[in-house]
Structure formats: structure tokens, C-alpha cells
Amino acid sequence: MSEKNSETMVLEEWLPKVSPALASKKEEIHFMGYESVTEEEIWNCVISRAKKTKDDDWMIHQVVNQILTLSTNDFMNWLTIQAVTDDNWYSFDTLKEN
């Protein structure tokens, strides 16, 4: 953290400190019936959504807010879009098996 304020960091650097919030959100989504969701998927969704803003530096309360206010519906929509736009959606190996 060169000349940054010690309370602000690039979003990706907050992962170790916000893992309790990610665990809480994962439990919430599991409670809704989506048992295969991982903390990594939730984190990737939060990063994807946050990158749409122009903020470079984030404070911990902003990151935790992004995680805890993520709705199950918004997360599942993001996950569906990721599945459809993934380059390996129809890989050659899958086509060869059929």
C-alpha cells in the first residue's frame, strides 16, 4: 500500500478481512436452497458488480455492504450470465462425449 490511506485498499485486497461476511452470505444463499454456491463465486460476483463503479479505493464498510446487500436473485442472475458467457460453455471435450 504505497501512498494510500491505511483504511482504503483496492477491492481485491480486502478478501481476507471480509471472509466472515462472505461466509454469512454463503449460508444465506444455501438457506434459500442453492447448496452448491461457494464464497469464491460470491466474491467474484461482488468484484464484478463493484468494477462497474469507477472507485479504485474501497473502505472495509463499503466492501462488506456490497456483500451483505447482494440479493440471492441478483447473485443467481449474475451466475447465469457467467455460465452462458463462459468460453468453455460448450467445450470440445463435451461435444466429443456426445
C-alpha atoms as a PDB file:
ATOM      1  CA  MET A   1       0.000   0.000   0.000  1.00  0.00           C
ATOM      2  CA  SER A   2       2.272   2.746  -1.226  1.00  0.00           C
ATOM      3  CA  GLU A   3       0.832   6.188  -0.518  1.00  0.00           C
ATOM      4  CA  LYS A   4      -2.737   5.115   0.165  1.00  0.00           C
ATOM      5  CA  ASN A   5      -4.622   5.730   3.338  1.00  0.00           C
ATOM      6  CA  SER A   6      -4.307   2.599   5.500  1.00  0.00           C
ATOM      7  CA  GLU A   7      -8.111   2.394   5.683  1.00  0.00           C
ATOM      8  CA  THR A   8      -8.568   2.179   1.905  1.00  0.00           C
ATOM      9  CA  MET A   9      -7.379  -0.571  -0.396  1.00  0.00           C
ATOM     10  CA  VAL A  10      -8.015  -1.915  -3.845  1.00  0.00           C
ATOM     11  CA  LEU A  11     -11.130  -4.092  -3.686  1.00  0.00           C
ATOM     12  CA  GLU A  12      -9.313  -7.393  -4.305  1.00  0.00           C
ATOM     13  CA  GLU A  13      -7.045  -6.789  -1.279  1.00  0.00           C
ATOM     14  CA  TRP A  14      -9.982  -6.927   1.159  1.00  0.00           C
ATOM     15  CA  LEU A  15     -10.719 -10.635   0.659  1.00  0.00           C
ATOM     16  CA  PRO A  16      -9.028 -11.961   3.849  1.00  0.00           C
ATOM     17  CA  LYS A  17     -10.721  -9.360   6.037  1.00  0.00           C
ATOM     18  CA  VAL A  18     -14.235  -9.787   4.633  1.00  0.00           C
ATOM     19  CA  SER A  19     -14.344 -13.587   4.684  1.00  0.00           C
ATOM     20  CA  PRO A  20     -16.823 -13.640   7.630  1.00  0.00           C
ATOM     21  CA  ALA A  21     -19.268 -11.567   5.555  1.00  0.00           C
ATOM     22  CA  LEU A  22     -18.770 -13.918   2.594  1.00  0.00           C
ATOM     23  CA  ALA A  23     -19.412 -16.926   4.845  1.00  0.00           C
ATOM     24  CA  SER A  24     -22.598 -15.297   6.122  1.00  0.00           C
ATOM     25  CA  LYS A  25     -23.823 -14.559   2.597  1.00  0.00           C
ATOM     26  CA  LYS A  26     -22.997 -18.134   1.528  1.00  0.00           C
ATOM     27  CA  GLU A  27     -25.069 -19.510   4.430  1.00  0.00           C
ATOM     28  CA  GLU A  28     -27.950 -17.209   3.461  1.00  0.00           C
ATOM     29  CA  ILE A  29     -27.866 -18.418  -0.146  1.00  0.00           C
ATOM     30  CA  HIS A  30     -27.601 -22.050   0.998  1.00  0.00           C
ATOM     31  CA  PHE A  31     -30.656 -21.470   3.188  1.00  0.00           C
ATOM     32  CA  MET A  32     -32.521 -20.369   0.050  1.00  0.00           C
ATOM     33  CA  GLY A  33     -31.793 -23.780  -1.472  1.00  0.00           C
ATOM     34  CA  TYR A  34     -28.682 -23.104  -3.560  1.00  0.00           C
ATOM     35  CA  GLU A  35     -26.332 -25.531  -1.811  1.00  0.00           C
ATOM     36  CA  SER A  36     -23.512 -25.514  -4.381  1.00  0.00           C
ATOM     37  CA  VAL A  37     -22.679 -21.789  -4.072  1.00  0.00           C
ATOM     38  CA  THR A  38     -19.143 -21.022  -2.878  1.00  0.00           C
ATOM     39  CA  GLU A  39     -17.603 -17.987  -1.211  1.00  0.00           C
ATOM     40  CA  GLU A  40     -15.330 -17.604  -4.230  1.00  0.00           C
ATOM     41  CA  GLU A  41     -18.350 -17.273  -6.548  1.00  0.00           C
ATOM     42  CA  ILE A  42     -19.899 -14.666  -4.264  1.00  0.00           C
ATOM     43  CA  TRP A  43     -16.600 -12.760  -4.130  1.00  0.00           C
ATOM     44  CA  ASN A  44     -16.281 -12.835  -7.920  1.00  0.00           C
ATOM     45  CA  CYS A  45     -19.828 -11.515  -8.228  1.00  0.00           C
ATOM     46  CA  VAL A  46     -19.126  -8.687  -5.783  1.00  0.00           C
ATOM     47  CA  ILE A  47     -15.935  -7.755  -7.638  1.00  0.00           C
ATOM     48  CA  SER A  48     -17.733  -7.861 -10.985  1.00  0.00           C
ATOM     49  CA  ARG A  49     -20.527  -5.609  -9.753  1.00  0.00           C
ATOM     50  CA  ALA A  50     -18.150  -3.225  -7.968  1.00  0.00           C
ATOM     51  CA  LYS A  51     -15.956  -2.793 -11.032  1.00  0.00           C
ATOM     52  CA  LYS A  52     -18.911  -1.159 -12.757  1.00  0.00           C
ATOM     53  CA  THR A  53     -18.353   1.782 -10.421  1.00  0.00           C
ATOM     54  CA  LYS A  54     -15.353   3.991 -11.010  1.00  0.00           C
ATOM     55  CA  ASP A  55     -13.996   3.704  -7.462  1.00  0.00           C
ATOM     56  CA  ASP A  56     -10.437   2.427  -7.191  1.00  0.00           C
ATOM     57  CA  ASP A  57     -10.043   2.521  -3.424  1.00  0.00           C
ATOM     58  CA  TRP A  58     -12.528   0.915  -1.061  1.00  0.00           C
ATOM     59  CA  MET A  59     -13.065   1.110   2.668  1.00  0.00           C
ATOM     60  CA  ILE A  60     -13.954  -2.058   4.530  1.00  0.00           C
ATOM     61  CA  HIS A  61     -17.505  -0.941   5.325  1.00  0.00           C
ATOM     62  CA  GLN A  62     -18.157  -0.383   1.605  1.00  0.00           C
ATOM     63  CA  VAL A  63     -16.946  -3.873   0.720  1.00  0.00           C
ATOM     64  CA  VAL A  64     -18.968  -5.514   3.496  1.00  0.00           C
ATOM     65  CA  ASN A  65     -22.016  -3.506   2.391  1.00  0.00           C
ATOM     66  CA  GLN A  66     -21.586  -4.776  -1.188  1.00  0.00           C
ATOM     67  CA  ILE A  67     -21.505  -8.361   0.106  1.00  0.00           C
ATOM     68  CA  LEU A  68     -24.370  -8.184   2.585  1.00  0.00           C
ATOM     69  CA  THR A  69     -26.734  -6.256   0.305  1.00  0.00           C
ATOM     70  CA  LEU A  70     -26.227  -8.687  -2.591  1.00  0.00           C
ATOM     71  CA  SER A  71     -29.606 -10.331  -3.110  1.00  0.00           C
ATOM     72  CA  THR A  72     -29.942 -14.008  -3.926  1.00  0.00           C
ATOM     73  CA  ASN A  73     -31.808 -13.032  -7.087  1.00  0.00           C
ATOM     74  CA  ASP A  74     -29.028 -10.681  -8.252  1.00  0.00           C
ATOM     75  CA  PHE A  75     -26.395 -13.301  -7.484  1.00  0.00           C
ATOM     76  CA  MET A  76     -28.236 -16.037  -9.380  1.00  0.00           C
ATOM     77  CA  ASN A  77     -28.747 -13.703 -12.352  1.00  0.00           C
ATOM     78  CA  TRP A  78     -25.011 -12.948 -12.368  1.00  0.00           C
ATOM     79  CA  LEU A  79     -24.183 -16.652 -12.084  1.00  0.00           C
ATOM     80  CA  THR A  80     -26.472 -17.500 -15.008  1.00  0.00           C
ATOM     81  CA  ILE A  81     -24.891 -14.822 -17.182  1.00  0.00           C
ATOM     82  CA  GLN A  82     -21.431 -16.135 -16.266  1.00  0.00           C
ATOM     83  CA  ALA A  83     -22.432 -19.659 -17.234  1.00  0.00           C
ATOM     84  CA  VAL A  84     -23.795 -18.553 -20.601  1.00  0.00           C
ATOM     85  CA  THR A  85     -20.919 -16.222 -21.460  1.00  0.00           C
ATOM     86  CA  ASP A  86     -18.200 -18.601 -20.266  1.00  0.00           C
ATOM     87  CA  ASP A  87     -15.833 -19.556 -23.073  1.00  0.00           C
ATOM     88  CA  ASN A  88     -15.995 -23.213 -22.070  1.00  0.00           C
ATOM     89  CA  TRP A  89     -19.790 -23.436 -22.071  1.00  0.00           C
ATOM     90  CA  TYR A  90     -19.627 -25.917 -24.932  1.00  0.00           C
ATOM     91  CA  SER A  91     -16.098 -27.209 -24.852  1.00  0.00           C
ATOM     92  CA  PHE A  92     -14.888 -29.610 -27.496  1.00  0.00           C
ATOM     93  CA  ASP A  93     -14.493 -32.343 -24.896  1.00  0.00           C
ATOM     94  CA  THR A  94     -18.178 -32.116 -24.019  1.00  0.00           C
ATOM     95  CA  LEU A  95     -19.161 -32.279 -27.687  1.00  0.00           C
ATOM     96  CA  LYS A  96     -16.914 -35.294 -28.302  1.00  0.00           C
ATOM     97  CA  GLU A  97     -18.559 -37.223 -25.442  1.00  0.00           C
ATOM     98  CA  ASN A  98     -21.995 -36.866 -27.057  1.00  0.00           C
END
